[in-house]
Amino acid sequence: MEIKMMTAAHEAAVMDMMRTFYASPAVLSNGSDEIFRADIAACISGNPYVEGYVFAEGEKLMGYAMVAKSFICEYGRPCKWIEDLYICPEYRGQGIGGAFLDFIAAKYPDSILRLEAEEENEGAVALYKRHGFEVFPYMEMKRGG
């Protein structure tokens, strides 16, 4: 398995994976094709705020991830938000998610890593805990969108 930067050649496959991911109980919002296209475009255009990755074996895509970049004043350090981490069902349990978490931690050793998970997504929560993530008892709020 190889972790690669997302490119335009991956757009259709990532779009399909995003539709599946956002329709699952692992995500609270359903998203839309318009949002998915904007996310992918940002990932492949060199946008400084987001990076897109795919997990591949040759030409076969096994999943994707998106990482948003910010700064967290609470810790005085850069923050990398693992926004999406999706592994196709037939490839789950093979260490792909863990390999990606280790990859991002090594790529950004001075950054705080954050992510969101639904409590019901027990497999993902267990994976994150095994890789040093801990539950953060914050209420998150948003405005707009």
N, C-alpha and C. Protein backbone atom coordinates (compact mmCIF):
# COMPACT_ATOMS: atom_id res chain seq x y z
N MET A 1 0.85 -1.18 0.00
CA MET A 1 0.00 0.00 0.00
C MET A 1 0.89 1.23 0.00
N GLU A 2 0.50 2.18 -0.82
CA GLU A 2 1.26 3.42 -0.96
C GLU A 2 0.34 4.60 -0.63
N ILE A 3 0.86 5.58 0.09
CA ILE A 3 0.13 6.81 0.37
C ILE A 3 0.62 7.84 -0.65
N LYS A 4 -0.32 8.33 -1.48
CA LYS A 4 0.03 9.27 -2.55
C LYS A 4 -0.77 10.56 -2.39
N MET A 5 -0.22 11.64 -2.91
CA MET A 5 -0.98 12.88 -2.98
C MET A 5 -2.11 12.69 -3.99
N MET A 6 -3.26 13.23 -3.67
CA MET A 6 -4.41 13.16 -4.57
C MET A 6 -4.13 14.01 -5.82
N THR A 7 -4.52 13.50 -6.98
CA THR A 7 -4.37 14.24 -8.24
C THR A 7 -5.71 14.24 -8.97
N ALA A 8 -5.77 14.98 -10.06
CA ALA A 8 -6.98 15.04 -10.87
C ALA A 8 -7.39 13.66 -11.37
N ALA A 9 -6.43 12.78 -11.58
CA ALA A 9 -6.73 11.43 -12.05
C ALA A 9 -7.54 10.63 -11.03
N HIS A 10 -7.52 11.04 -9.77
CA HIS A 10 -8.24 10.33 -8.71
C HIS A 10 -9.64 10.88 -8.47
N GLU A 11 -9.98 11.97 -9.15
CA GLU A 11 -11.21 12.71 -8.83
C GLU A 11 -12.46 11.84 -8.83
N ALA A 12 -12.71 11.08 -9.86
CA ALA A 12 -13.95 10.29 -9.94
C ALA A 12 -14.01 9.25 -8.83
N ALA A 13 -12.93 8.56 -8.58
CA ALA A 13 -12.92 7.52 -7.54
C ALA A 13 -13.08 8.13 -6.16
N VAL A 14 -12.42 9.26 -5.90
CA VAL A 14 -12.55 9.91 -4.60
C VAL A 14 -13.98 10.42 -4.42
N MET A 15 -14.56 10.96 -5.48
CA MET A 15 -15.94 11.43 -5.42
C MET A 15 -16.88 10.29 -5.01
N ASP A 16 -16.70 9.13 -5.59
CA ASP A 16 -17.53 7.97 -5.22
C ASP A 16 -17.32 7.59 -3.76
N MET A 17 -16.07 7.59 -3.31
CA MET A 17 -15.79 7.25 -1.91
C MET A 17 -16.40 8.29 -0.97
N MET A 18 -16.33 9.57 -1.35
CA MET A 18 -16.92 10.62 -0.51
C MET A 18 -18.43 10.44 -0.39
N ARG A 19 -19.08 10.11 -1.48
CA ARG A 19 -20.53 9.88 -1.43
C ARG A 19 -20.86 8.76 -0.44
N THR A 20 -20.09 7.69 -0.49
CA THR A 20 -20.32 6.57 0.41
C THR A 20 -20.04 6.97 1.86
N PHE A 21 -18.91 7.62 2.08
CA PHE A 21 -18.50 8.02 3.43
C PHE A 21 -19.52 8.97 4.05
N TYR A 22 -19.91 9.99 3.32
CA TYR A 22 -20.81 11.00 3.87
C TYR A 22 -22.25 10.50 4.03
N ALA A 23 -22.61 9.42 3.38
CA ALA A 23 -23.93 8.82 3.54
C ALA A 23 -23.94 7.81 4.69
N SER A 24 -22.78 7.53 5.27
CA SER A 24 -22.67 6.52 6.33
C SER A 24 -22.92 7.14 7.70
N PRO A 25 -23.15 6.31 8.71
CA PRO A 25 -23.33 6.83 10.07
C PRO A 25 -22.03 7.41 10.67
N ALA A 26 -20.91 7.28 9.98
CA ALA A 26 -19.64 7.81 10.47
C ALA A 26 -19.57 9.33 10.36
N VAL A 27 -20.50 9.93 9.61
CA VAL A 27 -20.48 11.37 9.36
C VAL A 27 -21.86 11.95 9.65
N LEU A 28 -21.91 13.06 10.38
CA LEU A 28 -23.20 13.67 10.72
C LEU A 28 -23.88 14.36 9.54
N SER A 29 -23.11 15.00 8.67
CA SER A 29 -23.71 15.71 7.54
C SER A 29 -23.62 14.85 6.28
N ASN A 30 -24.54 15.07 5.38
CA ASN A 30 -24.55 14.29 4.15
C ASN A 30 -23.69 14.88 3.05
N GLY A 31 -23.32 16.16 3.18
CA GLY A 31 -22.53 16.79 2.14
C GLY A 31 -23.33 16.87 0.85
N SER A 32 -22.65 17.20 -0.23
CA SER A 32 -23.29 17.27 -1.55
C SER A 32 -22.20 17.15 -2.60
N ASP A 33 -22.60 16.82 -3.81
CA ASP A 33 -21.61 16.73 -4.88
C ASP A 33 -20.88 18.06 -5.07
N GLU A 34 -21.60 19.16 -4.89
CA GLU A 34 -20.97 20.48 -5.03
C GLU A 34 -19.85 20.65 -3.99
N ILE A 35 -20.12 20.27 -2.76
CA ILE A 35 -19.11 20.37 -1.70
C ILE A 35 -17.97 19.40 -1.98
N PHE A 36 -18.29 18.17 -2.37
CA PHE A 36 -17.25 17.17 -2.64
C PHE A 36 -16.32 17.65 -3.76
N ARG A 37 -16.91 18.20 -4.82
CA ARG A 37 -16.10 18.72 -5.93
C ARG A 37 -15.19 19.85 -5.46
N ALA A 38 -15.73 20.74 -4.62
CA ALA A 38 -14.92 21.85 -4.09
C ALA A 38 -13.78 21.32 -3.22
N ASP A 39 -14.05 20.31 -2.40
CA ASP A 39 -13.01 19.72 -1.54
C ASP A 39 -11.90 19.10 -2.39
N ILE A 40 -12.30 18.32 -3.37
CA ILE A 40 -11.31 17.66 -4.23
C ILE A 40 -10.51 18.71 -5.00
N ALA A 41 -11.19 19.72 -5.53
CA ALA A 41 -10.50 20.78 -6.28
C ALA A 41 -9.47 21.47 -5.39
N ALA A 42 -9.83 21.73 -4.15
CA ALA A 42 -8.88 22.37 -3.22
C ALA A 42 -7.68 21.45 -2.99
N CYS A 43 -7.93 20.17 -2.85
CA CYS A 43 -6.84 19.22 -2.59
C CYS A 43 -5.86 19.11 -3.75
N ILE A 44 -6.36 19.20 -4.97
CA ILE A 44 -5.48 18.96 -6.12
C ILE A 44 -4.93 20.25 -6.74
N SER A 45 -5.35 21.41 -6.20
CA SER A 45 -4.95 22.67 -6.81
C SER A 45 -3.78 23.35 -6.10
N GLY A 46 -3.26 22.73 -5.05
CA GLY A 46 -2.18 23.37 -4.32
C GLY A 46 -2.69 24.36 -3.27
N ASN A 47 -3.96 24.28 -2.92
CA ASN A 47 -4.52 25.13 -1.88
C ASN A 47 -3.68 24.98 -0.61
N PRO A 48 -3.24 26.07 0.01
CA PRO A 48 -2.36 25.95 1.18
C PRO A 48 -3.05 25.46 2.45
N TYR A 49 -4.37 25.36 2.43
CA TYR A 49 -5.10 24.99 3.65
C TYR A 49 -5.52 23.53 3.73
N VAL A 50 -5.37 22.78 2.64
CA VAL A 50 -5.84 21.39 2.66
C VAL A 50 -4.96 20.53 1.76
N GLU A 51 -4.78 19.29 2.18
CA GLU A 51 -4.06 18.30 1.38
C GLU A 51 -4.95 17.08 1.22
N GLY A 52 -4.89 16.47 0.05
CA GLY A 52 -5.63 15.25 -0.20
C GLY A 52 -4.68 14.10 -0.47
N TYR A 53 -5.03 12.93 0.02
CA TYR A 53 -4.21 11.73 -0.13
C TYR A 53 -5.09 10.58 -0.60
N VAL A 54 -4.49 9.66 -1.30
CA VAL A 54 -5.16 8.40 -1.64
C VAL A 54 -4.25 7.26 -1.18
N PHE A 55 -4.88 6.15 -0.90
CA PHE A 55 -4.17 4.93 -0.52
C PHE A 55 -4.32 3.97 -1.68
N ALA A 56 -3.21 3.53 -2.23
CA ALA A 56 -3.27 2.77 -3.48
C ALA A 56 -2.36 1.56 -3.45
N GLU A 57 -2.79 0.57 -4.19
CA GLU A 57 -1.98 -0.59 -4.52
C GLU A 57 -1.97 -0.61 -6.04
N GLY A 58 -0.88 -0.16 -6.63
CA GLY A 58 -0.86 0.01 -8.08
C GLY A 58 -1.86 1.09 -8.46
N GLU A 59 -2.78 0.75 -9.36
CA GLU A 59 -3.81 1.70 -9.79
C GLU A 59 -5.09 1.58 -8.97
N LYS A 60 -5.16 0.58 -8.10
CA LYS A 60 -6.36 0.33 -7.31
C LYS A 60 -6.37 1.23 -6.08
N LEU A 61 -7.42 2.06 -5.94
CA LEU A 61 -7.53 2.93 -4.77
C LEU A 61 -8.25 2.19 -3.65
N MET A 62 -7.69 2.31 -2.46
CA MET A 62 -8.21 1.62 -1.29
C MET A 62 -8.89 2.56 -0.31
N GLY A 63 -8.71 3.87 -0.52
CA GLY A 63 -9.31 4.86 0.35
C GLY A 63 -8.71 6.22 0.10
N TYR A 64 -9.12 7.19 0.89
CA TYR A 64 -8.61 8.56 0.74
C TYR A 64 -8.62 9.25 2.10
N ALA A 65 -7.93 10.38 2.16
CA ALA A 65 -7.94 11.22 3.36
C ALA A 65 -7.76 12.67 2.94
N MET A 66 -8.27 13.58 3.76
CA MET A 66 -8.07 15.01 3.57
C MET A 66 -7.63 15.60 4.90
N VAL A 67 -6.63 16.46 4.84
CA VAL A 67 -6.06 17.07 6.04
C VAL A 67 -6.07 18.58 5.88
N ALA A 68 -6.74 19.27 6.80
CA ALA A 68 -6.79 20.73 6.78
C ALA A 68 -5.73 21.28 7.72
N LYS A 69 -5.15 22.41 7.33
CA LYS A 69 -4.06 23.01 8.10
C LYS A 69 -4.53 24.30 8.78
N SER A 70 -4.17 24.43 10.05
CA SER A 70 -4.49 25.65 10.78
C SER A 70 -3.47 25.85 11.90
N PHE A 71 -3.75 26.81 12.74
CA PHE A 71 -2.91 27.08 13.91
C PHE A 71 -3.83 27.03 15.11
N ILE A 72 -3.38 26.43 16.20
CA ILE A 72 -4.21 26.31 17.39
C ILE A 72 -3.59 27.16 18.51
N CYS A 73 -4.22 28.28 18.77
CA CYS A 73 -3.70 29.24 19.75
C CYS A 73 -3.63 28.64 21.15
N GLU A 74 -4.52 27.75 21.46
CA GLU A 74 -4.56 27.09 22.76
C GLU A 74 -3.23 26.39 23.09
N TYR A 75 -2.53 25.94 22.06
CA TYR A 75 -1.27 25.24 22.24
C TYR A 75 -0.09 25.98 21.62
N GLY A 76 -0.36 27.06 20.91
CA GLY A 76 0.71 27.83 20.28
C GLY A 76 1.45 27.06 19.20
N ARG A 77 0.73 26.20 18.49
CA ARG A 77 1.37 25.34 17.48
C ARG A 77 0.46 25.15 16.28
N PRO A 78 1.04 24.72 15.18
CA PRO A 78 0.20 24.36 14.02
C PRO A 78 -0.71 23.18 14.38
N CYS A 79 -1.81 23.12 13.70
CA CYS A 79 -2.77 22.03 13.89
C CYS A 79 -3.09 21.42 12.53
N LYS A 80 -3.15 20.13 12.48
CA LYS A 80 -3.58 19.41 11.28
C LYS A 80 -4.86 18.66 11.65
N TRP A 81 -5.94 19.04 10.99
CA TRP A 81 -7.23 18.39 11.19
C TRP A 81 -7.37 17.28 10.16
N ILE A 82 -7.48 16.07 10.62
CA ILE A 82 -7.74 14.95 9.72
C ILE A 82 -9.25 14.99 9.48
N GLU A 83 -9.62 15.63 8.38
CA GLU A 83 -11.03 15.90 8.09
C GLU A 83 -11.75 14.64 7.61
N ASP A 84 -11.17 13.93 6.69
CA ASP A 84 -11.75 12.71 6.16
C ASP A 84 -10.68 11.63 6.21
N LEU A 85 -11.07 10.46 6.64
CA LEU A 85 -10.21 9.28 6.56
C LEU A 85 -11.15 8.12 6.25
N TYR A 86 -11.13 7.70 5.01
CA TYR A 86 -12.05 6.67 4.54
C TYR A 86 -11.27 5.53 3.91
N ILE A 87 -11.56 4.33 4.37
CA ILE A 87 -10.98 3.11 3.81
C ILE A 87 -12.14 2.30 3.24
N CYS A 88 -12.03 1.88 2.00
CA CYS A 88 -13.07 1.04 1.40
C CYS A 88 -13.27 -0.20 2.25
N PRO A 89 -14.52 -0.64 2.42
CA PRO A 89 -14.81 -1.75 3.34
C PRO A 89 -13.95 -2.99 3.14
N GLU A 90 -13.66 -3.35 1.88
CA GLU A 90 -12.90 -4.58 1.62
C GLU A 90 -11.43 -4.47 2.05
N TYR A 91 -10.97 -3.26 2.39
CA TYR A 91 -9.57 -3.08 2.80
C TYR A 91 -9.42 -2.71 4.27
N ARG A 92 -10.52 -2.65 4.99
CA ARG A 92 -10.45 -2.30 6.41
C ARG A 92 -9.80 -3.44 7.19
N GLY A 93 -9.14 -3.06 8.28
CA GLY A 93 -8.48 -4.06 9.13
C GLY A 93 -7.12 -4.49 8.62
N GLN A 94 -6.60 -3.81 7.59
CA GLN A 94 -5.30 -4.16 7.02
C GLN A 94 -4.20 -3.18 7.41
N GLY A 95 -4.51 -2.25 8.33
CA GLY A 95 -3.49 -1.32 8.81
C GLY A 95 -3.35 -0.04 8.00
N ILE A 96 -4.23 0.19 7.05
CA ILE A 96 -4.12 1.37 6.20
C ILE A 96 -4.36 2.65 7.00
N GLY A 97 -5.42 2.68 7.79
CA GLY A 97 -5.72 3.86 8.60
C GLY A 97 -4.59 4.18 9.56
N GLY A 98 -4.09 3.17 10.23
CA GLY A 98 -2.97 3.36 11.16
C GLY A 98 -1.72 3.85 10.45
N ALA A 99 -1.46 3.30 9.28
CA ALA A 99 -0.29 3.74 8.51
C ALA A 99 -0.42 5.21 8.13
N PHE A 100 -1.65 5.64 7.79
CA PHE A 100 -1.85 7.04 7.44
C PHE A 100 -1.66 7.94 8.66
N LEU A 101 -2.19 7.55 9.81
CA LEU A 101 -2.02 8.35 11.02
C LEU A 101 -0.53 8.49 11.37
N ASP A 102 0.21 7.40 11.25
CA ASP A 102 1.66 7.45 11.51
C ASP A 102 2.36 8.35 10.48
N PHE A 103 1.93 8.27 9.23
CA PHE A 103 2.50 9.08 8.15
C PHE A 103 2.32 10.58 8.44
N ILE A 104 1.11 10.97 8.82
CA ILE A 104 0.83 12.39 9.10
C ILE A 104 1.59 12.85 10.34
N ALA A 105 1.66 12.01 11.35
CA ALA A 105 2.41 12.37 12.57
C ALA A 105 3.88 12.57 12.25
N ALA A 106 4.44 11.75 11.39
CA ALA A 106 5.85 11.88 11.01
C ALA A 106 6.06 13.08 10.09
N LYS A 107 5.11 13.35 9.20
CA LYS A 107 5.23 14.48 8.27
C LYS A 107 5.14 15.82 9.01
N TYR A 108 4.34 15.86 10.06
CA TYR A 108 4.11 17.10 10.81
C TYR A 108 4.39 16.88 12.31
N PRO A 109 5.64 16.62 12.67
CA PRO A 109 5.95 16.27 14.06
C PRO A 109 5.71 17.39 15.07
N ASP A 110 5.67 18.63 14.63
CA ASP A 110 5.46 19.75 15.55
C ASP A 110 4.01 20.20 15.60
N SER A 111 3.12 19.47 14.96
CA SER A 111 1.71 19.87 14.91
C SER A 111 0.87 19.05 15.87
N ILE A 112 -0.19 19.68 16.34
CA ILE A 112 -1.25 18.98 17.06
C ILE A 112 -2.10 18.31 15.99
N LEU A 113 -2.45 17.06 16.17
CA LEU A 113 -3.34 16.36 15.24
C LEU A 113 -4.72 16.26 15.89
N ARG A 114 -5.74 16.63 15.13
CA ARG A 114 -7.11 16.54 15.64
C ARG A 114 -7.98 15.87 14.59
N LEU A 115 -9.07 15.30 15.07
CA LEU A 115 -10.06 14.69 14.19
C LEU A 115 -11.36 14.57 14.94
N GLU A 116 -12.40 14.27 14.22
CA GLU A 116 -13.72 14.03 14.81
C GLU A 116 -14.11 12.60 14.49
N ALA A 117 -14.85 11.99 15.40
CA ALA A 117 -15.35 10.64 15.17
C ALA A 117 -16.71 10.50 15.84
N GLU A 118 -17.57 9.76 15.23
CA GLU A 118 -18.85 9.43 15.84
C GLU A 118 -18.63 8.29 16.83
N GLU A 119 -19.20 8.40 18.03
CA GLU A 119 -19.03 7.36 19.05
C GLU A 119 -19.42 5.98 18.54
N GLU A 120 -20.44 5.93 17.68
CA GLU A 120 -20.92 4.66 17.16
C GLU A 120 -19.92 4.00 16.22
N ASN A 121 -18.97 4.76 15.71
CA ASN A 121 -17.97 4.22 14.79
C ASN A 121 -16.84 3.61 15.63
N GLU A 122 -17.17 2.53 16.31
CA GLU A 122 -16.28 1.93 17.30
C GLU A 122 -14.94 1.51 16.73
N GLY A 123 -14.92 0.99 15.52
CA GLY A 123 -13.66 0.57 14.92
C GLY A 123 -12.72 1.75 14.72
N ALA A 124 -13.27 2.86 14.22
CA ALA A 124 -12.45 4.05 14.00
C ALA A 124 -11.97 4.62 15.34
N VAL A 125 -12.86 4.69 16.32
CA VAL A 125 -12.48 5.22 17.64
C VAL A 125 -11.37 4.37 18.24
N ALA A 126 -11.48 3.07 18.14
CA ALA A 126 -10.42 2.18 18.67
C ALA A 126 -9.10 2.42 17.95
N LEU A 127 -9.15 2.58 16.63
CA LEU A 127 -7.94 2.87 15.85
C LEU A 127 -7.29 4.16 16.34
N TYR A 128 -8.08 5.21 16.48
CA TYR A 128 -7.54 6.51 16.89
C TYR A 128 -6.92 6.42 18.28
N LYS A 129 -7.57 5.74 19.18
CA LYS A 129 -7.03 5.59 20.54
C LYS A 129 -5.71 4.81 20.52
N ARG A 130 -5.63 3.76 19.70
CA ARG A 130 -4.38 3.00 19.59
C ARG A 130 -3.24 3.87 19.09
N HIS A 131 -3.57 4.92 18.35
CA HIS A 131 -2.54 5.80 17.79
C HIS A 131 -2.38 7.09 18.59
N GLY A 132 -2.80 7.05 19.85
CA GLY A 132 -2.51 8.15 20.77
C GLY A 132 -3.53 9.27 20.83
N PHE A 133 -4.63 9.16 20.11
CA PHE A 133 -5.66 10.19 20.20
C PHE A 133 -6.48 9.95 21.46
N GLU A 134 -6.91 11.04 22.07
CA GLU A 134 -7.76 10.94 23.25
C GLU A 134 -9.01 11.77 23.04
N VAL A 135 -10.07 11.39 23.72
CA VAL A 135 -11.33 12.10 23.60
C VAL A 135 -11.16 13.49 24.20
N PHE A 136 -11.63 14.47 23.47
CA PHE A 136 -11.54 15.87 23.85
C PHE A 136 -12.97 16.33 24.19
N PRO A 137 -13.28 16.57 25.43
CA PRO A 137 -14.69 16.85 25.81
C PRO A 137 -15.12 18.27 25.50
N TYR A 138 -15.04 18.65 24.24
CA TYR A 138 -15.45 19.97 23.81
C TYR A 138 -16.81 19.90 23.15
N MET A 139 -17.56 20.96 23.31
CA MET A 139 -18.76 21.12 22.48
C MET A 139 -18.28 21.96 21.30
N GLU A 140 -18.49 21.47 20.12
CA GLU A 140 -18.11 22.23 18.94
C GLU A 140 -19.34 22.97 18.44
N MET A 141 -19.12 24.20 18.02
CA MET A 141 -20.21 25.02 17.50
C MET A 141 -19.81 25.57 16.14
N LYS A 142 -20.79 25.92 15.33
CA LYS A 142 -20.49 26.50 14.02
C LYS A 142 -21.56 27.51 13.67
N ARG A 143 -21.24 28.34 12.72
CA ARG A 143 -22.20 29.30 12.19
C ARG A 143 -22.10 29.26 10.68
N GLY A 144 -23.21 29.20 10.01
CA GLY A 144 -23.24 29.20 8.56
C GLY A 144 -22.99 27.84 7.96
N GLY A 145 -23.20 27.80 6.64
CA GLY A 145 -22.90 26.61 5.84
C GLY A 145 -23.66 25.43 6.22
